[in-house]
Amino acid sequence: MTSREERAVFRGVPPSEHEKWKSALLRLIQRPRTRKELYVKLRQRGCPEATARDLLHRFQQMGYIDDRTYALLYLDSKKNYGLRRLRDDLRARGVSGDDIDAACDECEIDEVQRAFNVAQPWNGRPGITPDKLKARLLRRGFAPAA
């Protein structure tokens, strides 16, 4: 038990199960996370499935959980990756295809410029051939055309 729960029990007010998981969710949303990530975290901590779904639905309705905003933040923070990798990473985190498309449209990512910015420090280094440079860019998720 945490000290807050111990104080509540001591005062004769037992903490309800729902309030316990609501507090856990409030702690989890202190940093950006997708709805899927939050669900997984709650379930790992032992939260019942129905309670987790109910809390996530209520928090999403209130605007505390927004996968589209998460996608925007993610796209803006990962400047060294191409669109393919960014989309794959967001899908793996549980963001819907519609939210990913909307975020990509809003960010207006210039993949060619990003690829140039990533390749520029590597270009001209000893042992870095054009094929190696291309392979590095492909591993980072850039399209072959970029």
Protein backbone atom coordinates (compact mmCIF):
# COMPACT_ATOMS: atom_id res chain seq x y z
CA MET A 1 0.00 0.00 0.00
CA THR A 2 1.12 3.54 -0.67
CA SER A 3 1.14 6.06 2.13
CA ARG A 4 -1.98 7.74 0.67
CA GLU A 5 -3.88 4.43 0.76
CA GLU A 6 -2.61 3.74 4.27
CA ARG A 7 -3.83 7.17 5.44
CA ALA A 8 -7.22 6.59 3.81
CA VAL A 9 -7.59 3.19 5.50
CA PHE A 10 -6.43 4.67 8.78
CA ARG A 11 -9.15 7.37 8.59
CA GLY A 12 -11.68 4.62 8.01
CA VAL A 13 -12.18 5.33 4.29
CA PRO A 14 -11.02 2.32 2.25
CA PRO A 15 -9.79 3.27 -1.22
CA SER A 16 -12.08 1.97 -3.92
CA GLU A 17 -10.63 -0.24 -6.62
CA HIS A 18 -11.76 2.19 -9.33
CA GLU A 19 -10.04 5.15 -7.65
CA LYS A 20 -6.86 3.13 -7.28
CA TRP A 21 -6.70 2.51 -11.05
CA LYS A 22 -7.73 6.07 -11.82
CA SER A 23 -4.76 7.29 -9.77
CA ALA A 24 -2.48 4.85 -11.57
CA LEU A 25 -3.70 6.13 -14.94
CA LEU A 26 -3.17 9.75 -13.85
CA ARG A 27 0.44 8.90 -13.06
CA LEU A 28 0.87 7.15 -16.42
CA ILE A 29 -0.42 10.06 -18.50
CA GLN A 30 2.17 12.43 -17.13
CA ARG A 31 4.15 11.71 -20.28
CA PRO A 32 2.72 11.20 -23.76
CA ARG A 33 1.52 7.64 -24.39
CA THR A 34 -0.90 6.03 -26.79
CA ARG A 35 -4.15 4.49 -25.67
CA LYS A 36 -2.74 1.02 -26.39
CA GLU A 37 0.38 1.66 -24.31
CA LEU A 38 -1.75 2.87 -21.40
CA TYR A 39 -4.01 -0.18 -21.66
CA VAL A 40 -1.03 -2.54 -21.64
CA LYS A 41 0.53 -0.77 -18.63
CA LEU A 42 -2.71 -0.91 -16.65
CA ARG A 43 -3.24 -4.60 -17.44
CA GLN A 44 0.38 -5.41 -16.50
CA ARG A 45 -0.25 -3.83 -13.11
CA GLY A 46 -3.29 -6.03 -12.58
CA CYS A 47 -6.13 -3.71 -13.55
CA PRO A 48 -9.29 -5.59 -14.60
CA GLU A 49 -10.01 -5.37 -18.33
CA ALA A 50 -13.41 -3.70 -17.93
CA THR A 51 -12.02 -1.08 -15.55
CA ALA A 52 -9.09 -0.32 -17.86
CA ARG A 53 -11.36 0.09 -20.89
CA ASP A 54 -13.80 2.27 -18.96
CA LEU A 55 -11.09 4.55 -17.58
CA LEU A 56 -9.35 4.88 -20.95
CA HIS A 57 -12.65 5.70 -22.65
CA ARG A 58 -13.47 8.40 -20.08
CA PHE A 59 -9.99 9.92 -20.22
CA GLN A 60 -10.09 9.93 -24.02
CA GLN A 61 -13.47 11.70 -23.99
CA MET A 62 -12.04 14.34 -21.65
CA GLY A 63 -9.09 14.87 -24.02
CA TYR A 64 -6.33 13.47 -21.82
CA ILE A 65 -5.57 10.68 -24.27
CA ASP A 66 -5.21 11.60 -27.94
CA ASP A 67 -3.36 9.29 -30.32
CA ARG A 68 -3.35 11.87 -33.13
CA THR A 69 -1.56 14.42 -30.94
CA TYR A 70 0.83 11.68 -29.84
CA ALA A 71 1.57 10.93 -33.50
CA LEU A 72 2.27 14.62 -34.18
CA LEU A 73 4.68 14.81 -31.25
CA TYR A 74 6.38 11.58 -32.30
CA LEU A 75 6.82 12.70 -35.93
CA ASP A 76 8.25 16.02 -34.80
CA SER A 77 10.71 14.43 -32.37
CA LYS A 78 12.18 11.82 -34.73
CA LYS A 79 13.91 13.95 -37.36
CA ASN A 80 16.46 11.26 -38.29
CA TYR A 81 13.95 8.72 -39.60
CA GLY A 82 12.05 8.28 -42.83
CA LEU A 83 8.30 8.11 -43.21
CA ARG A 84 8.19 4.32 -43.57
CA ARG A 85 9.89 3.75 -40.22
CA LEU A 86 7.87 6.48 -38.50
CA ARG A 87 4.60 4.97 -39.72
CA ASP A 88 5.70 1.47 -38.67
CA ASP A 89 6.73 2.68 -35.21
CA LEU A 90 3.41 4.47 -34.69
CA ARG A 91 1.43 1.44 -35.85
CA ALA A 92 3.39 -0.73 -33.41
CA ARG A 93 2.45 1.69 -30.63
CA GLY A 94 -1.23 1.29 -31.45
CA VAL A 95 -1.96 4.47 -33.37
CA SER A 96 -4.65 4.02 -36.03
CA GLY A 97 -3.89 4.47 -39.72
CA ASP A 98 -6.26 7.45 -39.92
CA ASP A 99 -4.47 9.22 -37.06
CA ILE A 100 -1.09 8.50 -38.64
CA ASP A 101 -2.23 9.85 -42.03
CA ALA A 102 -3.69 12.98 -40.44
CA ALA A 103 -0.50 13.62 -38.46
CA CYS A 104 1.71 13.09 -41.53
CA ASP A 105 -0.44 15.49 -43.56
CA GLU A 106 -0.31 18.10 -40.82
CA CYS A 107 3.47 17.83 -40.34
CA GLU A 108 4.16 18.07 -44.08
CA ILE A 109 7.37 16.04 -43.81
CA ASP A 110 9.87 16.61 -46.61
CA GLU A 111 11.52 13.19 -46.72
CA VAL A 112 14.17 14.23 -49.25
CA GLN A 113 15.31 17.10 -47.02
CA ARG A 114 15.35 14.83 -43.98
CA ALA A 115 17.42 12.23 -45.86
CA PHE A 116 19.85 14.94 -46.94
CA ASN A 117 20.20 16.20 -43.35
CA VAL A 118 20.86 12.67 -42.09
CA ALA A 119 23.31 11.78 -44.87
CA GLN A 120 25.31 15.03 -44.81
CA PRO A 121 27.46 14.25 -41.73
CA TRP A 122 28.27 10.76 -43.07
CA ASN A 123 29.11 11.89 -46.59
CA GLY A 124 32.83 12.13 -47.28
CA ARG A 125 33.92 10.06 -44.29
CA PRO A 126 36.60 7.49 -45.01
CA GLY A 127 35.10 4.12 -45.91
CA ILE A 128 31.60 5.47 -46.55
CA THR A 129 30.73 4.56 -50.11
CA PRO A 130 27.51 5.69 -51.80
CA ASP A 131 26.13 2.17 -51.38
CA LYS A 132 26.84 2.18 -47.65
CA LEU A 133 25.24 5.61 -47.34
CA LYS A 134 22.17 4.41 -49.21
CA ALA A 135 21.95 1.31 -46.98
CA ARG A 136 22.10 3.46 -43.84
CA LEU A 137 19.29 5.65 -45.10
CA LEU A 138 17.17 2.63 -46.03
CA ARG A 139 17.65 1.17 -42.54
CA ARG A 140 16.38 4.45 -41.11
CA GLY A 141 13.17 4.09 -43.09
CA PHE A 142 13.79 6.46 -45.99
CA ALA A 143 12.29 5.61 -49.37
CA PRO A 144 14.79 4.57 -52.09
CA ALA A 145 13.77 7.64 -54.12
CA ALA A 146 14.77 9.95 -51.27
